[in-house]
Amino acid sequence: NKNARNRARRRGAPVVGTVDRAEVWARDGGKCHICKRKCDPTKWHLDHLIALARGGKHSMDNVAVSHPVCNMRKGAVGPAQLRLGSVA
């Protein structure tokens, strides 16, 4: 989304292609990558696996579906990075 792209640019993070939220939702099966439970399709976060604040890029291979609470609880580091090995 536009806000995430702008945030990435401000932090000097590379923006690689476009991130399509519907495509991320379908790829992840609508499940939070942190707690593995189904998310509400109208209330979910696009979580950067490697946070923009830590130099992560805004790209399809660095984002995943998450519950807002799960995403905000982990902050800029945390369980998201454990998933990196399984990102398509």
PDB file of N, CA and C in Angstrom:
ATOM      1  N   ASN A   1       0.828  -1.174   0.000  1.00  0.00           N
ATOM      2  CA  ASN A   1       0.000   0.000   0.000  1.00  0.00           C
ATOM      3  C   ASN A   1       0.876   1.241   0.000  1.00  0.00           C
ATOM      4  N   LYS A   2       0.294   2.339  -0.299  1.00  0.00           N
ATOM      5  CA  LYS A   2       1.026   3.592  -0.455  1.00  0.00           C
ATOM      6  C   LYS A   2       1.734   4.011   0.832  1.00  0.00           C
ATOM      7  N   ASN A   3       1.087   3.841   1.989  1.00  0.00           N
ATOM      8  CA  ASN A   3       1.701   4.226   3.264  1.00  0.00           C
ATOM      9  C   ASN A   3       2.954   3.412   3.547  1.00  0.00           C
ATOM     10  N   ALA A   4       2.893   2.108   3.308  1.00  0.00           N
ATOM     11  CA  ALA A   4       4.058   1.255   3.558  1.00  0.00           C
ATOM     12  C   ALA A   4       5.196   1.614   2.607  1.00  0.00           C
ATOM     13  N   ARG A   5       4.881   1.887   1.350  1.00  0.00           N
ATOM     14  CA  ARG A   5       5.920   2.300   0.388  1.00  0.00           C
ATOM     15  C   ARG A   5       6.579   3.590   0.833  1.00  0.00           C
ATOM     16  N   ASN A   6       5.774   4.565   1.260  1.00  0.00           N
ATOM     17  CA  ASN A   6       6.321   5.844   1.718  1.00  0.00           C
ATOM     18  C   ASN A   6       7.178   5.671   2.965  1.00  0.00           C
ATOM     19  N   ARG A   7       6.718   4.830   3.895  1.00  0.00           N
ATOM     20  CA  ARG A   7       7.480   4.563   5.106  1.00  0.00           C
ATOM     21  C   ARG A   7       8.816   3.914   4.756  1.00  0.00           C
ATOM     22  N   ALA A   8       8.793   2.997   3.813  1.00  0.00           N
ATOM     23  CA  ALA A   8      10.026   2.328   3.372  1.00  0.00           C
ATOM     24  C   ALA A   8      10.990   3.340   2.769  1.00  0.00           C
ATOM     25  N   ARG A   9      10.490   4.219   1.936  1.00  0.00           N
ATOM     26  CA  ARG A   9      11.349   5.226   1.312  1.00  0.00           C
ATOM     27  C   ARG A   9      11.965   6.159   2.348  1.00  0.00           C
ATOM     28  N   ARG A  10      11.163   6.580   3.333  1.00  0.00           N
ATOM     29  CA  ARG A  10      11.677   7.469   4.381  1.00  0.00           C
ATOM     30  C   ARG A  10      12.795   6.814   5.176  1.00  0.00           C
ATOM     31  N   ARG A  11      12.696   5.515   5.360  1.00  0.00           N
ATOM     32  CA  ARG A  11      13.710   4.784   6.123  1.00  0.00           C
ATOM     33  C   ARG A  11      14.868   4.325   5.242  1.00  0.00           C
ATOM     34  N   GLY A  12      14.786   4.612   3.959  1.00  0.00           N
ATOM     35  CA  GLY A  12      15.849   4.207   3.048  1.00  0.00           C
ATOM     36  C   GLY A  12      15.791   2.735   2.671  1.00  0.00           C
ATOM     37  N   ALA A  13      14.660   2.079   2.964  1.00  0.00           N
ATOM     38  CA  ALA A  13      14.503   0.659   2.626  1.00  0.00           C
ATOM     39  C   ALA A  13      14.157   0.525   1.150  1.00  0.00           C
ATOM     40  N   PRO A  14      14.690  -0.492   0.504  1.00  0.00           N
ATOM     41  CA  PRO A  14      14.357  -0.684  -0.902  1.00  0.00           C
ATOM     42  C   PRO A  14      12.893  -1.077  -1.090  1.00  0.00           C
ATOM     43  N   VAL A  15      12.276  -0.544  -2.113  1.00  0.00           N
ATOM     44  CA  VAL A  15      10.911  -0.906  -2.492  1.00  0.00           C
ATOM     45  C   VAL A  15      11.050  -1.763  -3.742  1.00  0.00           C
ATOM     46  N   VAL A  16      10.703  -3.037  -3.625  1.00  0.00           N
ATOM     47  CA  VAL A  16      10.908  -3.978  -4.716  1.00  0.00           C
ATOM     48  C   VAL A  16       9.552  -4.384  -5.273  1.00  0.00           C
ATOM     49  N   GLY A  17       9.197  -3.887  -6.442  1.00  0.00           N
ATOM     50  CA  GLY A  17       7.914  -4.219  -7.044  1.00  0.00           C
ATOM     51  C   GLY A  17       6.753  -3.667  -6.249  1.00  0.00           C
ATOM     52  N   THR A  18       5.591  -4.213  -6.509  1.00  0.00           N
ATOM     53  CA  THR A  18       4.402  -3.799  -5.776  1.00  0.00           C
ATOM     54  C   THR A  18       3.980  -4.922  -4.842  1.00  0.00           C
ATOM     55  N   VAL A  19       3.373  -4.543  -3.747  1.00  0.00           N
ATOM     56  CA  VAL A  19       2.846  -5.519  -2.793  1.00  0.00           C
ATOM     57  C   VAL A  19       1.334  -5.475  -2.908  1.00  0.00           C
ATOM     58  N   ASP A  20       0.758  -6.566  -3.346  1.00  0.00           N
ATOM     59  CA  ASP A  20      -0.684  -6.683  -3.532  1.00  0.00           C
ATOM     60  C   ASP A  20      -1.276  -7.379  -2.316  1.00  0.00           C
ATOM     61  N   ARG A  21      -2.039  -6.631  -1.515  1.00  0.00           N
ATOM     62  CA  ARG A  21      -2.607  -7.184  -0.283  1.00  0.00           C
ATOM     63  C   ARG A  21      -3.474  -8.414  -0.552  1.00  0.00           C
ATOM     64  N   ALA A  22      -4.257  -8.392  -1.615  1.00  0.00           N
ATOM     65  CA  ALA A  22      -5.116  -9.541  -1.928  1.00  0.00           C
ATOM     66  C   ALA A  22      -4.267 -10.772  -2.254  1.00  0.00           C
ATOM     67  N   GLU A  23      -3.171 -10.564  -2.929  1.00  0.00           N
ATOM     68  CA  GLU A  23      -2.272 -11.671  -3.268  1.00  0.00           C
ATOM     69  C   GLU A  23      -1.595 -12.233  -2.013  1.00  0.00           C
ATOM     70  N   VAL A  24      -1.199 -11.355  -1.108  1.00  0.00           N
ATOM     71  CA  VAL A  24      -0.585 -11.800   0.153  1.00  0.00           C
ATOM     72  C   VAL A  24      -1.612 -12.596   0.961  1.00  0.00           C
ATOM     73  N   TRP A  25      -2.846 -12.096   1.035  1.00  0.00           N
ATOM     74  CA  TRP A  25      -3.923 -12.788   1.754  1.00  0.00           C
ATOM     75  C   TRP A  25      -4.118 -14.193   1.187  1.00  0.00           C
ATOM     76  N   ALA A  26      -4.212 -14.296  -0.139  1.00  0.00           N
ATOM     77  CA  ALA A  26      -4.425 -15.600  -0.779  1.00  0.00           C
ATOM     78  C   ALA A  26      -3.227 -16.523  -0.547  1.00  0.00           C
ATOM     79  N   ARG A  27      -2.030 -16.005  -0.709  1.00  0.00           N
ATOM     80  CA  ARG A  27      -0.807 -16.808  -0.526  1.00  0.00           C
ATOM     81  C   ARG A  27      -0.735 -17.386   0.888  1.00  0.00           C
ATOM     82  N   ASP A  28      -1.090 -16.558   1.887  1.00  0.00           N
ATOM     83  CA  ASP A  28      -0.990 -16.970   3.279  1.00  0.00           C
ATOM     84  C   ASP A  28      -2.254 -17.657   3.792  1.00  0.00           C
ATOM     85  N   GLY A  29      -3.250 -17.800   2.932  1.00  0.00           N
ATOM     86  CA  GLY A  29      -4.485 -18.471   3.331  1.00  0.00           C
ATOM     87  C   GLY A  29      -5.266 -17.717   4.392  1.00  0.00           C
ATOM     88  N   GLY A  30      -4.996 -16.402   4.512  1.00  0.00           N
ATOM     89  CA  GLY A  30      -5.707 -15.586   5.490  1.00  0.00           C
ATOM     90  C   GLY A  30      -5.336 -15.892   6.927  1.00  0.00           C
ATOM     91  N   LYS A  31      -4.213 -16.600   7.128  1.00  0.00           N
ATOM     92  CA  LYS A  31      -3.794 -16.963   8.486  1.00  0.00           C
ATOM     93  C   LYS A  31      -2.632 -16.096   8.943  1.00  0.00           C
ATOM     94  N   CYS A  32      -2.676 -15.720  10.204  1.00  0.00           N
ATOM     95  CA  CYS A  32      -1.605 -14.957  10.825  1.00  0.00           C
ATOM     96  C   CYS A  32      -0.351 -15.829  10.856  1.00  0.00           C
ATOM     97  N   HIS A  33       0.736 -15.323  10.337  1.00  0.00           N
ATOM     98  CA  HIS A  33       1.970 -16.108  10.309  1.00  0.00           C
ATOM     99  C   HIS A  33       2.599 -16.230  11.689  1.00  0.00           C
ATOM    100  N   ILE A  34       2.142 -15.451  12.668  1.00  0.00           N
ATOM    101  CA  ILE A  34       2.711 -15.491  14.015  1.00  0.00           C
ATOM    102  C   ILE A  34       1.995 -16.528  14.878  1.00  0.00           C
ATOM    103  N   CYS A  35       0.656 -16.444  14.938  1.00  0.00           N
ATOM    104  CA  CYS A  35      -0.097 -17.356  15.808  1.00  0.00           C
ATOM    105  C   CYS A  35      -0.783 -18.485  15.033  1.00  0.00           C
ATOM    106  N   LYS A  36      -0.759 -18.404  13.704  1.00  0.00           N
ATOM    107  CA  LYS A  36      -1.314 -19.442  12.814  1.00  0.00           C
ATOM    108  C   LYS A  36      -2.841 -19.530  12.822  1.00  0.00           C
ATOM    109  N   ARG A  37      -3.516 -18.538  13.408  1.00  0.00           N
ATOM    110  CA  ARG A  37      -4.984 -18.538  13.407  1.00  0.00           C
ATOM    111  C   ARG A  37      -5.509 -17.665  12.278  1.00  0.00           C
ATOM    112  N   LYS A  38      -6.734 -17.932  11.872  1.00  0.00           N
ATOM    113  CA  LYS A  38      -7.383 -17.181  10.796  1.00  0.00           C
ATOM    114  C   LYS A  38      -7.582 -15.727  11.198  1.00  0.00           C
ATOM    115  N   CYS A  39      -7.339 -14.822  10.258  1.00  0.00           N
ATOM    116  CA  CYS A  39      -7.538 -13.387  10.477  1.00  0.00           C
ATOM    117  C   CYS A  39      -8.885 -12.955   9.921  1.00  0.00           C
ATOM    118  N   ASP A  40      -9.391 -11.862  10.413  1.00  0.00           N
ATOM    119  CA  ASP A  40     -10.586 -11.232   9.865  1.00  0.00           C
ATOM    120  C   ASP A  40     -10.170 -10.587   8.545  1.00  0.00           C
ATOM    121  N   PRO A  41     -10.832 -10.924   7.443  1.00  0.00           N
ATOM    122  CA  PRO A  41     -10.421 -10.378   6.146  1.00  0.00           C
ATOM    123  C   PRO A  41     -10.541  -8.857   6.030  1.00  0.00           C
ATOM    124  N   THR A  42     -11.252  -8.223   6.968  1.00  0.00           N
ATOM    125  CA  THR A  42     -11.377  -6.764   6.916  1.00  0.00           C
ATOM    126  C   THR A  42     -10.467  -6.058   7.919  1.00  0.00           C
ATOM    127  N   LYS A  43      -9.822  -6.841   8.808  1.00  0.00           N
ATOM    128  CA  LYS A  43      -8.986  -6.234   9.857  1.00  0.00           C
ATOM    129  C   LYS A  43      -7.717  -7.055  10.054  1.00  0.00           C
ATOM    130  N   TRP A  44      -6.741  -6.846   9.178  1.00  0.00           N
ATOM    131  CA  TRP A  44      -5.471  -7.544   9.324  1.00  0.00           C
ATOM    132  C   TRP A  44      -4.334  -6.619   8.914  1.00  0.00           C
ATOM    133  N   HIS A  45      -3.147  -6.941   9.406  1.00  0.00           N
ATOM    134  CA  HIS A  45      -1.969  -6.145   9.080  1.00  0.00           C
ATOM    135  C   HIS A  45      -1.100  -6.842   8.043  1.00  0.00           C
ATOM    136  N   LEU A  46      -0.468  -6.045   7.254  1.00  0.00           N
ATOM    137  CA  LEU A  46       0.548  -6.514   6.330  1.00  0.00           C
ATOM    138  C   LEU A  46       1.863  -6.359   7.096  1.00  0.00           C
ATOM    139  N   ASP A  47       2.380  -7.453   7.609  1.00  0.00           N
ATOM    140  CA  ASP A  47       3.553  -7.431   8.478  1.00  0.00           C
ATOM    141  C   ASP A  47       4.825  -7.619   7.668  1.00  0.00           C
ATOM    142  N   HIS A  48       5.810  -6.770   7.897  1.00  0.00           N
ATOM    143  CA  HIS A  48       7.122  -6.939   7.263  1.00  0.00           C
ATOM    144  C   HIS A  48       7.911  -7.945   8.095  1.00  0.00           C
ATOM    145  N   LEU A  49       8.337  -9.040   7.489  1.00  0.00           N
ATOM    146  CA  LEU A  49       9.059 -10.093   8.200  1.00  0.00           C
ATOM    147  C   LEU A  49      10.367  -9.554   8.763  1.00  0.00           C
ATOM    148  N   ILE A  50      11.115  -8.855   7.948  1.00  0.00           N
ATOM    149  CA  ILE A  50      12.241  -8.069   8.446  1.00  0.00           C
ATOM    150  C   ILE A  50      11.733  -6.643   8.432  1.00  0.00           C
ATOM    151  N   ALA A  51      11.588  -6.073   9.614  1.00  0.00           N
ATOM    152  CA  ALA A  51      10.980  -4.753   9.762  1.00  0.00           C
ATOM    153  C   ALA A  51      11.712  -3.704   8.931  1.00  0.00           C
ATOM    154  N   LEU A  52      10.950  -2.746   8.419  1.00  0.00           N
ATOM    155  CA  LEU A  52      11.554  -1.630   7.683  1.00  0.00           C
ATOM    156  C   LEU A  52      12.562  -0.919   8.571  1.00  0.00           C
ATOM    157  N   ALA A  53      12.252  -0.843   9.872  1.00  0.00           N
ATOM    158  CA  ALA A  53      13.145  -0.190  10.822  1.00  0.00           C
ATOM    159  C   ALA A  53      14.471  -0.929  10.962  1.00  0.00           C
ATOM    160  N   ARG A  54      14.502  -2.198  10.576  1.00  0.00           N
ATOM    161  CA  ARG A  54      15.717  -3.016  10.657  1.00  0.00           C
ATOM    162  C   ARG A  54      16.357  -3.218   9.287  1.00  0.00           C
ATOM    163  N   GLY A  55      15.893  -2.447   8.300  1.00  0.00           N
ATOM    164  CA  GLY A  55      16.486  -2.531   6.966  1.00  0.00           C
ATOM    165  C   GLY A  55      15.792  -3.480   6.012  1.00  0.00           C
ATOM    166  N   GLY A  56      14.619  -3.985   6.390  1.00  0.00           N
ATOM    167  CA  GLY A  56      13.875  -4.878   5.510  1.00  0.00           C
ATOM    168  C   GLY A  56      13.332  -4.127   4.307  1.00  0.00           C
ATOM    169  N   LYS A  57      13.034  -4.864   3.254  1.00  0.00           N
ATOM    170  CA  LYS A  57      12.510  -4.231   2.044  1.00  0.00           C
ATOM    171  C   LYS A  57      10.992  -4.386   1.978  1.00  0.00           C
ATOM    172  N   HIS A  58      10.373  -3.485   1.239  1.00  0.00           N
ATOM    173  CA  HIS A  58       8.927  -3.549   1.025  1.00  0.00           C
ATOM    174  C   HIS A  58       8.715  -4.346  -0.254  1.00  0.00           C
ATOM    175  N   SER A  59       8.530  -5.662  -0.087  1.00  0.00           N
ATOM    176  CA  SER A  59       8.382  -6.557  -1.239  1.00  0.00           C
ATOM    177  C   SER A  59       7.509  -7.738  -0.842  1.00  0.00           C
ATOM    178  N   MET A  60       7.018  -8.452  -1.850  1.00  0.00           N
ATOM    179  CA  MET A  60       6.133  -9.591  -1.603  1.00  0.00           C
ATOM    180  C   MET A  60       6.809 -10.664  -0.756  1.00  0.00           C
ATOM    181  N   ASP A  61       8.102 -10.857  -0.910  1.00  0.00           N
ATOM    182  CA  ASP A  61       8.761 -11.918  -0.148  1.00  0.00           C
ATOM    183  C   ASP A  61       9.142 -11.491   1.268  1.00  0.00           C
ATOM    184  N   ASN A  62       8.818 -10.254   1.645  1.00  0.00           N
ATOM    185  CA  ASN A  62       9.126  -9.788   2.996  1.00  0.00           C
ATOM    186  C   ASN A  62       7.878  -9.353   3.751  1.00  0.00           C
ATOM    187  N   VAL A  63       6.705  -9.760   3.290  1.00  0.00           N
ATOM    188  CA  VAL A  63       5.463  -9.407   3.980  1.00  0.00           C
ATOM    189  C   VAL A  63       4.623 -10.651   4.212  1.00  0.00           C
ATOM    190  N   ALA A  64       3.762 -10.574   5.223  1.00  0.00           N
ATOM    191  CA  ALA A  64       2.870 -11.680   5.549  1.00  0.00           C
ATOM    192  C   ALA A  64       1.645 -11.138   6.280  1.00  0.00           C
ATOM    193  N   VAL A  65       0.599 -11.939   6.296  1.00  0.00           N
ATOM    194  CA  VAL A  65      -0.638 -11.616   7.003  1.00  0.00           C
ATOM    195  C   VAL A  65      -0.396 -11.764   8.506  1.00  0.00           C
ATOM    196  N   SER A  66      -0.931 -10.822   9.285  1.00  0.00           N
ATOM    197  CA  SER A  66      -0.886 -10.966  10.738  1.00  0.00           C
ATOM    198  C   SER A  66      -2.080 -10.274  11.375  1.00  0.00           C
ATOM    199  N   HIS A  67      -2.440 -10.751  12.569  1.00  0.00           N
ATOM    200  CA  HIS A  67      -3.437 -10.042  13.366  1.00  0.00           C
ATOM    201  C   HIS A  67      -2.807  -8.722  13.810  1.00  0.00           C
ATOM    202  N   PRO A  68      -3.577  -7.665  13.895  1.00  0.00           N
ATOM    203  CA  PRO A  68      -3.029  -6.402  14.380  1.00  0.00           C
ATOM    204  C   PRO A  68      -2.357  -6.550  15.759  1.00  0.00           C
ATOM    205  N   VAL A  69      -2.983  -7.280  16.666  1.00  0.00           N
ATOM    206  CA  VAL A  69      -2.430  -7.445  18.013  1.00  0.00           C
ATOM    207  C   VAL A  69      -1.106  -8.217  17.961  1.00  0.00           C
ATOM    208  N   CYS A  70      -1.055  -9.295  17.180  1.00  0.00           N
ATOM    209  CA  CYS A  70       0.180 -10.074  17.065  1.00  0.00           C
ATOM    210  C   CYS A  70       1.300  -9.209  16.502  1.00  0.00           C
ATOM    211  N   ASN A  71       0.998  -8.450  15.471  1.00  0.00           N
ATOM    212  CA  ASN A  71       1.994  -7.610  14.811  1.00  0.00           C
ATOM    213  C   ASN A  71       2.514  -6.525  15.749  1.00  0.00           C
ATOM    214  N   MET A  72       1.615  -5.839  16.429  1.00  0.00           N
ATOM    215  CA  MET A  72       2.028  -4.739  17.295  1.00  0.00           C
ATOM    216  C   MET A  72       2.740  -5.249  18.547  1.00  0.00           C
ATOM    217  N   ARG A  73       2.389  -6.431  19.010  1.00  0.00           N
ATOM    218  CA  ARG A  73       3.024  -6.995  20.200  1.00  0.00           C
ATOM    219  C   ARG A  73       4.490  -7.328  19.929  1.00  0.00           C
ATOM    220  N   LYS A  74       4.792  -7.830  18.731  1.00  0.00           N
ATOM    221  CA  LYS A  74       6.173  -8.237  18.442  1.00  0.00           C
ATOM    222  C   LYS A  74       7.081  -7.058  18.128  1.00  0.00           C
ATOM    223  N   GLY A  75       6.537  -5.936  17.701  1.00  0.00           N
ATOM    224  CA  GLY A  75       7.351  -4.766  17.390  1.00  0.00           C
ATOM    225  C   GLY A  75       8.223  -4.978  16.165  1.00  0.00           C
ATOM    226  N   ALA A  76       9.410  -4.392  16.177  1.00  0.00           N
ATOM    227  CA  ALA A  76      10.296  -4.431  15.010  1.00  0.00           C
ATOM    228  C   ALA A  76      11.102  -5.722  14.913  1.00  0.00           C
ATOM    229  N   VAL A  77      11.089  -6.528  15.962  1.00  0.00           N
ATOM    230  CA  VAL A  77      11.779  -7.822  15.910  1.00  0.00           C
ATOM    231  C   VAL A  77      10.867  -8.852  16.526  1.00  0.00           C
ATOM    232  N   GLY A  78      11.116 -10.096  16.255  1.00  0.00           N
ATOM    233  CA  GLY A  78      10.311 -11.118  16.893  1.00  0.00           C
ATOM    234  C   GLY A  78      10.015 -12.300  16.021  1.00  0.00           C
ATOM    235  N   PRO A  79       8.904 -12.988  16.295  1.00  0.00           N
ATOM    236  CA  PRO A  79       8.580 -14.258  15.656  1.00  0.00           C
ATOM    237  C   PRO A  79       8.512 -14.205  14.136  1.00  0.00           C
ATOM    238  N   ALA A  80       8.254 -13.051  13.567  1.00  0.00           N
ATOM    239  CA  ALA A  80       8.144 -12.963  12.106  1.00  0.00           C
ATOM    240  C   ALA A  80       9.405 -13.440  11.441  1.00  0.00           C
ATOM    241  N   GLN A  81      10.543 -13.162  12.024  1.00  0.00           N
ATOM    242  CA  GLN A  81      11.798 -13.527  11.400  1.00  0.00           C
ATOM    243  C   GLN A  81      12.009 -15.035  11.364  1.00  0.00           C
ATOM    244  N   LEU A  82      11.314 -15.790  12.209  1.00  0.00           N
ATOM    245  CA  LEU A  82      11.427 -17.240  12.187  1.00  0.00           C
ATOM    246  C   LEU A  82      10.828 -17.820  10.911  1.00  0.00           C
ATOM    247  N   ARG A  83       9.901 -17.109  10.300  1.00  0.00           N
ATOM    248  CA  ARG A  83       9.198 -17.595   9.115  1.00  0.00           C
ATOM    249  C   ARG A  83      10.012 -17.409   7.837  1.00  0.00           C
ATOM    250  N   LEU A  84      11.064 -16.641   7.872  1.00  0.00           N
ATOM    251  CA  LEU A  84      11.797 -16.282   6.667  1.00  0.00           C
ATOM    252  C   LEU A  84      12.197 -17.475   5.815  1.00  0.00           C
ATOM    253  N   GLY A  85      12.547 -18.566   6.407  1.00  0.00           N
ATOM    254  CA  GLY A  85      12.956 -19.738   5.635  1.00  0.00           C
ATOM    255  C   GLY A  85      11.844 -20.325   4.788  1.00  0.00           C
ATOM    256  N   SER A  86      10.583 -20.057   5.118  1.00  0.00           N
ATOM    257  CA  SER A  86       9.463 -20.657   4.387  1.00  0.00           C
ATOM    258  C   SER A  86       8.768 -19.706   3.441  1.00  0.00           C
ATOM    259  N   VAL A  87       9.282 -18.491   3.288  1.00  0.00           N
ATOM    260  CA  VAL A  87       8.641 -17.513   2.400  1.00  0.00           C
ATOM    261  C   VAL A  87       8.887 -17.919   0.962  1.00  0.00           C
ATOM    262  N   ALA A  88       7.813 -17.922   0.177  1.00  0.00           N
ATOM    263  CA  ALA A  88       7.930 -18.287  -1.246  1.00  0.00           C
ATOM    264  C   ALA A  88       8.447 -17.113  -2.060  1.00  0.00           C
TER     265      ALA A  88
END
